[in-house]
């Protein structure tokens, strides 16, 4: 009995500061996994890296400590050969870009919600609130893209507050009008 078909899956994943390629090999005889142990040879860029025996028709490999590049992973087993290209792209240093900024007011607080162009939350963005000439920074947004700013003197008269998120040139801002709740007037006392 010999292997007549092989399936190779190769995936790159971040591994600390470097990368690793995880390879899963399945060896088949007809429509069933090859149950007898077979030797699988894994090579990367044409250089043999490792030999392992299959168990129940499968074997796993990990190649660690890789830098970004295009790699050719080749697997050999009983006359079968299969190669896969694995591309590891350098990480792009992107600044957090706020596409939308939503602001809502509630009992002396401004809730700031920051989303990207795909409407996903943007964590780690800070900004400033200009409240009547007093500019104060708010803490960075959390994993849900939210930050809360506590207003001072919320009972003051109606005013506009400007919220700026991010840094130039991708800074977003919006203005909100604060209209504090009117102080309830007590009902006249009956004579």
C-alpha atoms as a PDB file:
ATOM      1  CA  UNK A   1       0.000   0.000   0.000  1.00  0.00           C
ATOM      2  CA  UNK A   2       1.344   3.395  -0.945  1.00  0.00           C
ATOM      3  CA  UNK A   3       0.245   6.988  -0.813  1.00  0.00           C
ATOM      4  CA  UNK A   4      -1.441   8.157  -3.990  1.00  0.00           C
ATOM      5  CA  UNK A   5      -2.539  11.620  -2.919  1.00  0.00           C
ATOM      6  CA  UNK A   6      -1.219  14.335  -0.642  1.00  0.00           C
ATOM      7  CA  UNK A   7      -2.746  17.573   0.661  1.00  0.00           C
ATOM      8  CA  UNK A   8      -0.500  20.345   2.007  1.00  0.00           C
ATOM      9  CA  UNK A   9      -1.677  23.394   3.928  1.00  0.00           C
ATOM     10  CA  UNK A  10       0.912  26.068   4.781  1.00  0.00           C
ATOM     11  CA  UNK A  11       0.085  29.207   6.773  1.00  0.00           C
ATOM     12  CA  UNK A  12       2.298  32.033   8.067  1.00  0.00           C
ATOM     13  CA  UNK A  13       1.658  33.451  11.545  1.00  0.00           C
ATOM     14  CA  UNK A  14       3.348  36.105  13.645  1.00  0.00           C
ATOM     15  CA  UNK A  15       5.638  34.555  16.261  1.00  0.00           C
ATOM     16  CA  UNK A  16       6.863  37.323  18.571  1.00  0.00           C
ATOM     17  CA  UNK A  17       9.057  39.653  16.529  1.00  0.00           C
ATOM     18  CA  UNK A  18       9.547  37.055  13.787  1.00  0.00           C
ATOM     19  CA  UNK A  19       7.246  34.774  11.776  1.00  0.00           C
ATOM     20  CA  UNK A  20       6.595  31.050  11.582  1.00  0.00           C
ATOM     21  CA  UNK A  21       5.156  28.835   8.868  1.00  0.00           C
ATOM     22  CA  UNK A  22       2.874  26.046  10.027  1.00  0.00           C
ATOM     23  CA  UNK A  23       2.513  23.153   7.592  1.00  0.00           C
ATOM     24  CA  UNK A  24      -0.050  20.340   7.841  1.00  0.00           C
ATOM     25  CA  UNK A  25       0.358  17.397   5.486  1.00  0.00           C
ATOM     26  CA  UNK A  26      -2.321  14.756   4.889  1.00  0.00           C
ATOM     27  CA  UNK A  27      -1.408  11.596   2.964  1.00  0.00           C
ATOM     28  CA  UNK A  28      -4.123   9.511   1.323  1.00  0.00           C
ATOM     29  CA  UNK A  29      -4.488   6.097  -0.225  1.00  0.00           C
ATOM     30  CA  UNK A  30      -7.606   6.136  -2.323  1.00  0.00           C
ATOM     31  CA  UNK A  31     -10.338   7.775  -0.263  1.00  0.00           C
ATOM     32  CA  UNK A  32      -8.823   7.000   3.146  1.00  0.00           C
ATOM     33  CA  UNK A  33      -5.919   8.437   5.123  1.00  0.00           C
ATOM     34  CA  UNK A  34      -2.765   6.344   4.740  1.00  0.00           C
ATOM     35  CA  UNK A  35      -2.585   4.489   8.044  1.00  0.00           C
ATOM     36  CA  UNK A  36       0.919   3.061   7.726  1.00  0.00           C
ATOM     37  CA  UNK A  37       3.659   5.478   8.840  1.00  0.00           C
ATOM     38  CA  UNK A  38       5.314   7.293   5.964  1.00  0.00           C
ATOM     39  CA  UNK A  39       8.304   9.603   5.986  1.00  0.00           C
ATOM     40  CA  UNK A  40       7.525  13.180   4.990  1.00  0.00           C
ATOM     41  CA  UNK A  41      10.370  15.502   4.005  1.00  0.00           C
ATOM     42  CA  UNK A  42       9.826  19.240   4.340  1.00  0.00           C
ATOM     43  CA  UNK A  43      12.046  21.704   2.553  1.00  0.00           C
ATOM     44  CA  UNK A  44      12.017  25.472   2.562  1.00  0.00           C
ATOM     45  CA  UNK A  45      13.572  27.358  -0.344  1.00  0.00           C
ATOM     46  CA  UNK A  46      15.002  24.044  -1.619  1.00  0.00           C
ATOM     47  CA  UNK A  47      16.839  23.265   1.622  1.00  0.00           C
ATOM     48  CA  UNK A  48      15.709  20.221   3.582  1.00  0.00           C
ATOM     49  CA  UNK A  49      14.529  21.327   7.009  1.00  0.00           C
ATOM     50  CA  UNK A  50      12.963  18.312   8.653  1.00  0.00           C
ATOM     51  CA  UNK A  51      11.805  14.699   8.304  1.00  0.00           C
ATOM     52  CA  UNK A  52       8.851  13.302  10.218  1.00  0.00           C
ATOM     53  CA  UNK A  53       6.685  10.185  10.170  1.00  0.00           C
ATOM     54  CA  UNK A  54       2.951  10.423   9.625  1.00  0.00           C
ATOM     55  CA  UNK A  55       0.474   9.322  12.270  1.00  0.00           C
ATOM     56  CA  UNK A  56      -2.946   8.320  10.949  1.00  0.00           C
ATOM     57  CA  UNK A  57      -2.070   9.902   7.629  1.00  0.00           C
ATOM     58  CA  UNK A  58      -1.123  13.333   9.017  1.00  0.00           C
ATOM     59  CA  UNK A  59       1.935  15.218  10.153  1.00  0.00           C
ATOM     60  CA  UNK A  60       2.551  18.807  11.316  1.00  0.00           C
ATOM     61  CA  UNK A  61       5.633  20.961  10.849  1.00  0.00           C
ATOM     62  CA  UNK A  62       6.605  24.394  12.185  1.00  0.00           C
ATOM     63  CA  UNK A  63       9.389  26.462  10.691  1.00  0.00           C
ATOM     64  CA  UNK A  64      10.215  29.332  13.043  1.00  0.00           C
ATOM     65  CA  UNK A  65      12.304  32.485  13.170  1.00  0.00           C
ATOM     66  CA  UNK A  66      11.471  33.658   9.654  1.00  0.00           C
ATOM     67  CA  UNK A  67      11.719  37.166   8.259  1.00  0.00           C
ATOM     68  CA  UNK A  68       9.230  38.658   5.786  1.00  0.00           C
ATOM     69  CA  UNK A  69       9.835  37.159   2.315  1.00  0.00           C
ATOM     70  CA  UNK A  70       8.260  34.823  -0.233  1.00  0.00           C
ATOM     71  CA  UNK A  71       8.922  31.207   0.723  1.00  0.00           C
ATOM     72  CA  UNK A  72       8.449  27.992  -1.241  1.00  0.00           C
ATOM     73  CA  UNK A  73       7.462  25.120   1.042  1.00  0.00           C
ATOM     74  CA  UNK A  74       7.971  21.714  -0.601  1.00  0.00           C
ATOM     75  CA  UNK A  75       6.799  18.388   0.777  1.00  0.00           C
ATOM     76  CA  UNK A  76       7.915  14.952  -0.449  1.00  0.00           C
ATOM     77  CA  UNK A  77       6.374  11.562   0.389  1.00  0.00           C
ATOM     78  CA  UNK A  78       6.710   8.213  -1.431  1.00  0.00           C
ATOM     79  CA  UNK A  79       7.188   9.709  -4.881  1.00  0.00           C
ATOM     80  CA  UNK A  80       4.628  12.482  -4.349  1.00  0.00           C
ATOM     81  CA  UNK A  81       5.705  16.106  -4.261  1.00  0.00           C
ATOM     82  CA  UNK A  82       3.760  19.275  -3.582  1.00  0.00           C
ATOM     83  CA  UNK A  83       4.909  22.880  -3.222  1.00  0.00           C
ATOM     84  CA  UNK A  84       3.157  25.918  -1.803  1.00  0.00           C
ATOM     85  CA  UNK A  85       4.180  29.554  -1.908  1.00  0.00           C
ATOM     86  CA  UNK A  86       3.872  31.379   1.392  1.00  0.00           C
ATOM     87  CA  UNK A  87       4.147  35.170   1.319  1.00  0.00           C
ATOM     88  CA  UNK A  88       5.106  36.966   4.497  1.00  0.00           C
ATOM     89  CA  UNK A  89       4.660  40.694   4.004  1.00  0.00           C
ATOM     90  CA  UNK A  90       6.467  43.218   6.203  1.00  0.00           C
ATOM     91  CA  UNK A  91       4.116  44.761   8.706  1.00  0.00           C
ATOM     92  CA  UNK A  92       2.929  48.161   7.650  1.00  0.00           C
ATOM     93  CA  UNK A  93       3.255  50.804  10.299  1.00  0.00           C
ATOM     94  CA  UNK A  94      -0.079  52.509  10.110  1.00  0.00           C
ATOM     95  CA  UNK A  95      -1.341  55.315  12.203  1.00  0.00           C
ATOM     96  CA  UNK A  96      -4.760  54.896  13.696  1.00  0.00           C
ATOM     97  CA  UNK A  97      -7.145  56.668  11.407  1.00  0.00           C
ATOM     98  CA  UNK A  98     -10.526  57.742  12.634  1.00  0.00           C
ATOM     99  CA  UNK A  99     -13.059  57.638   9.861  1.00  0.00           C
ATOM    100  CA  UNK A 100     -16.091  58.491  11.953  1.00  0.00           C
ATOM    101  CA  UNK A 101     -16.444  60.146  15.313  1.00  0.00           C
ATOM    102  CA  UNK A 102     -19.740  59.890  17.130  1.00  0.00           C
ATOM    103  CA  UNK A 103     -20.437  61.944  20.204  1.00  0.00           C
ATOM    104  CA  UNK A 104     -23.314  61.671  22.605  1.00  0.00           C
ATOM    105  CA  UNK A 105     -24.094  63.653  25.724  1.00  0.00           C
ATOM    106  CA  UNK A 106     -25.400  62.289  28.953  1.00  0.00           C
ATOM    107  CA  UNK A 107     -25.495  63.674  32.503  1.00  0.00           C
ATOM    108  CA  UNK A 108     -22.258  65.626  32.444  1.00  0.00           C
ATOM    109  CA  UNK A 109     -20.306  63.250  30.199  1.00  0.00           C
ATOM    110  CA  UNK A 110     -19.445  63.104  26.538  1.00  0.00           C
ATOM    111  CA  UNK A 111     -19.190  59.595  25.100  1.00  0.00           C
ATOM    112  CA  UNK A 112     -16.787  59.545  22.148  1.00  0.00           C
ATOM    113  CA  UNK A 113     -16.926  56.587  19.720  1.00  0.00           C
ATOM    114  CA  UNK A 114     -14.267  56.241  17.018  1.00  0.00           C
ATOM    115  CA  UNK A 115     -14.603  53.854  14.045  1.00  0.00           C
ATOM    116  CA  UNK A 116     -12.462  53.197  10.986  1.00  0.00           C
ATOM    117  CA  UNK A 117     -13.615  53.171   7.366  1.00  0.00           C
ATOM    118  CA  UNK A 118     -14.940  49.606   7.795  1.00  0.00           C
ATOM    119  CA  UNK A 119     -17.044  50.749  10.770  1.00  0.00           C
ATOM    120  CA  UNK A 120     -14.828  48.803  13.189  1.00  0.00           C
ATOM    121  CA  UNK A 121     -13.769  50.310  16.547  1.00  0.00           C
ATOM    122  CA  UNK A 122     -10.400  52.057  16.661  1.00  0.00           C
ATOM    123  CA  UNK A 123      -8.705  51.516  20.040  1.00  0.00           C
ATOM    124  CA  UNK A 124      -5.837  53.630  21.376  1.00  0.00           C
ATOM    125  CA  UNK A 125      -6.854  56.966  19.847  1.00  0.00           C
ATOM    126  CA  UNK A 126      -6.736  60.014  22.061  1.00  0.00           C
ATOM    127  CA  UNK A 127      -7.896  63.509  21.392  1.00  0.00           C
ATOM    128  CA  UNK A 128      -8.993  66.745  22.944  1.00  0.00           C
ATOM    129  CA  UNK A 129     -12.192  68.473  23.905  1.00  0.00           C
ATOM    130  CA  UNK A 130     -12.423  72.246  23.441  1.00  0.00           C
ATOM    131  CA  UNK A 131     -15.035  73.327  25.927  1.00  0.00           C
ATOM    132  CA  UNK A 132     -15.463  77.077  25.782  1.00  0.00           C
ATOM    133  CA  UNK A 133     -11.763  77.761  25.217  1.00  0.00           C
ATOM    134  CA  UNK A 134     -10.623  75.174  27.777  1.00  0.00           C
ATOM    135  CA  UNK A 135      -8.843  72.433  25.830  1.00  0.00           C
ATOM    136  CA  UNK A 136      -8.444  69.165  27.701  1.00  0.00           C
ATOM    137  CA  UNK A 137      -7.247  65.808  26.484  1.00  0.00           C
ATOM    138  CA  UNK A 138      -9.294  62.671  26.948  1.00  0.00           C
ATOM    139  CA  UNK A 139      -7.908  59.196  27.554  1.00  0.00           C
ATOM    140  CA  UNK A 140      -7.289  56.857  24.645  1.00  0.00           C
ATOM    141  CA  UNK A 141     -10.239  54.920  23.296  1.00  0.00           C
ATOM    142  CA  UNK A 142     -10.676  51.393  24.634  1.00  0.00           C
ATOM    143  CA  UNK A 143     -10.960  48.158  22.622  1.00  0.00           C
ATOM    144  CA  UNK A 144     -14.542  49.121  21.713  1.00  0.00           C
ATOM    145  CA  UNK A 145     -13.295  52.447  20.303  1.00  0.00           C
ATOM    146  CA  UNK A 146     -14.905  54.430  23.150  1.00  0.00           C
ATOM    147  CA  UNK A 147     -13.713  57.119  25.543  1.00  0.00           C
ATOM    148  CA  UNK A 148     -15.587  59.172  28.112  1.00  0.00           C
ATOM    149  CA  UNK A 149     -14.908  62.843  28.865  1.00  0.00           C
ATOM    150  CA  UNK A 150     -16.377  64.360  32.046  1.00  0.00           C
ATOM    151  CA  UNK A 151     -17.703  67.853  31.518  1.00  0.00           C
ATOM    152  CA  UNK A 152     -17.060  70.598  34.012  1.00  0.00           C
ATOM    153  CA  UNK A 153     -19.879  72.974  34.920  1.00  0.00           C
ATOM    154  CA  UNK A 154     -22.498  71.062  32.998  1.00  0.00           C
ATOM    155  CA  UNK A 155     -25.189  73.327  34.390  1.00  0.00           C
ATOM    156  CA  UNK A 156     -23.737  76.348  32.600  1.00  0.00           C
ATOM    157  CA  UNK A 157     -25.595  77.950  29.763  1.00  0.00           C
ATOM    158  CA  UNK A 158     -25.881  76.498  26.299  1.00  0.00           C
ATOM    159  CA  UNK A 159     -22.517  76.217  24.527  1.00  0.00           C
ATOM    160  CA  UNK A 160     -20.714  74.379  21.724  1.00  0.00           C
ATOM    161  CA  UNK A 161     -18.061  71.788  22.525  1.00  0.00           C
ATOM    162  CA  UNK A 162     -15.594  70.684  19.886  1.00  0.00           C
ATOM    163  CA  UNK A 163     -14.159  67.145  20.004  1.00  0.00           C
ATOM    164  CA  UNK A 164     -10.947  66.406  18.071  1.00  0.00           C
ATOM    165  CA  UNK A 165      -9.712  62.854  17.613  1.00  0.00           C
ATOM    166  CA  UNK A 166      -6.288  61.740  16.356  1.00  0.00           C
ATOM    167  CA  UNK A 167      -3.403  63.798  15.053  1.00  0.00           C
ATOM    168  CA  UNK A 168      -2.862  65.869  11.941  1.00  0.00           C
ATOM    169  CA  UNK A 169      -3.281  65.222   9.038  1.00  0.00           C
ATOM    170  CA  UNK A 170      -5.927  62.570   9.748  1.00  0.00           C
ATOM    171  CA  UNK A 171      -7.601  64.459  12.561  1.00  0.00           C
ATOM    172  CA  UNK A 172     -11.380  64.260  12.751  1.00  0.00           C
ATOM    173  CA  UNK A 173     -13.564  66.577  14.724  1.00  0.00           C
ATOM    174  CA  UNK A 174     -17.164  67.300  15.427  1.00  0.00           C
ATOM    175  CA  UNK A 175     -19.050  69.945  17.347  1.00  0.00           C
ATOM    176  CA  UNK A 176     -21.903  69.315  19.732  1.00  0.00           C
ATOM    177  CA  UNK A 177     -24.258  71.793  21.302  1.00  0.00           C
ATOM    178  CA  UNK A 178     -24.725  71.371  25.002  1.00  0.00           C
ATOM    179  CA  UNK A 179     -28.126  72.354  26.211  1.00  0.00           C
ATOM    180  CA  UNK A 180     -28.162  71.596  29.919  1.00  0.00           C
ATOM    181  CA  UNK A 181     -31.297  70.335  31.521  1.00  0.00           C
ATOM    182  CA  UNK A 182     -33.326  73.278  32.810  1.00  0.00           C
ATOM    183  CA  UNK A 183     -33.533  73.570  36.564  1.00  0.00           C
ATOM    184  CA  UNK A 184     -37.053  72.547  37.537  1.00  0.00           C
ATOM    185  CA  UNK A 185     -39.158  75.352  38.911  1.00  0.00           C
ATOM    186  CA  UNK A 186     -40.898  74.348  42.121  1.00  0.00           C
ATOM    187  CA  UNK A 187     -44.679  74.318  41.965  1.00  0.00           C
ATOM    188  CA  UNK A 188     -46.345  77.219  43.799  1.00  0.00           C
ATOM    189  CA  UNK A 189     -47.549  76.396  47.292  1.00  0.00           C
ATOM    190  CA  UNK A 190     -51.281  76.257  47.792  1.00  0.00           C
ATOM    191  CA  UNK A 191     -52.712  78.939  50.163  1.00  0.00           C
END
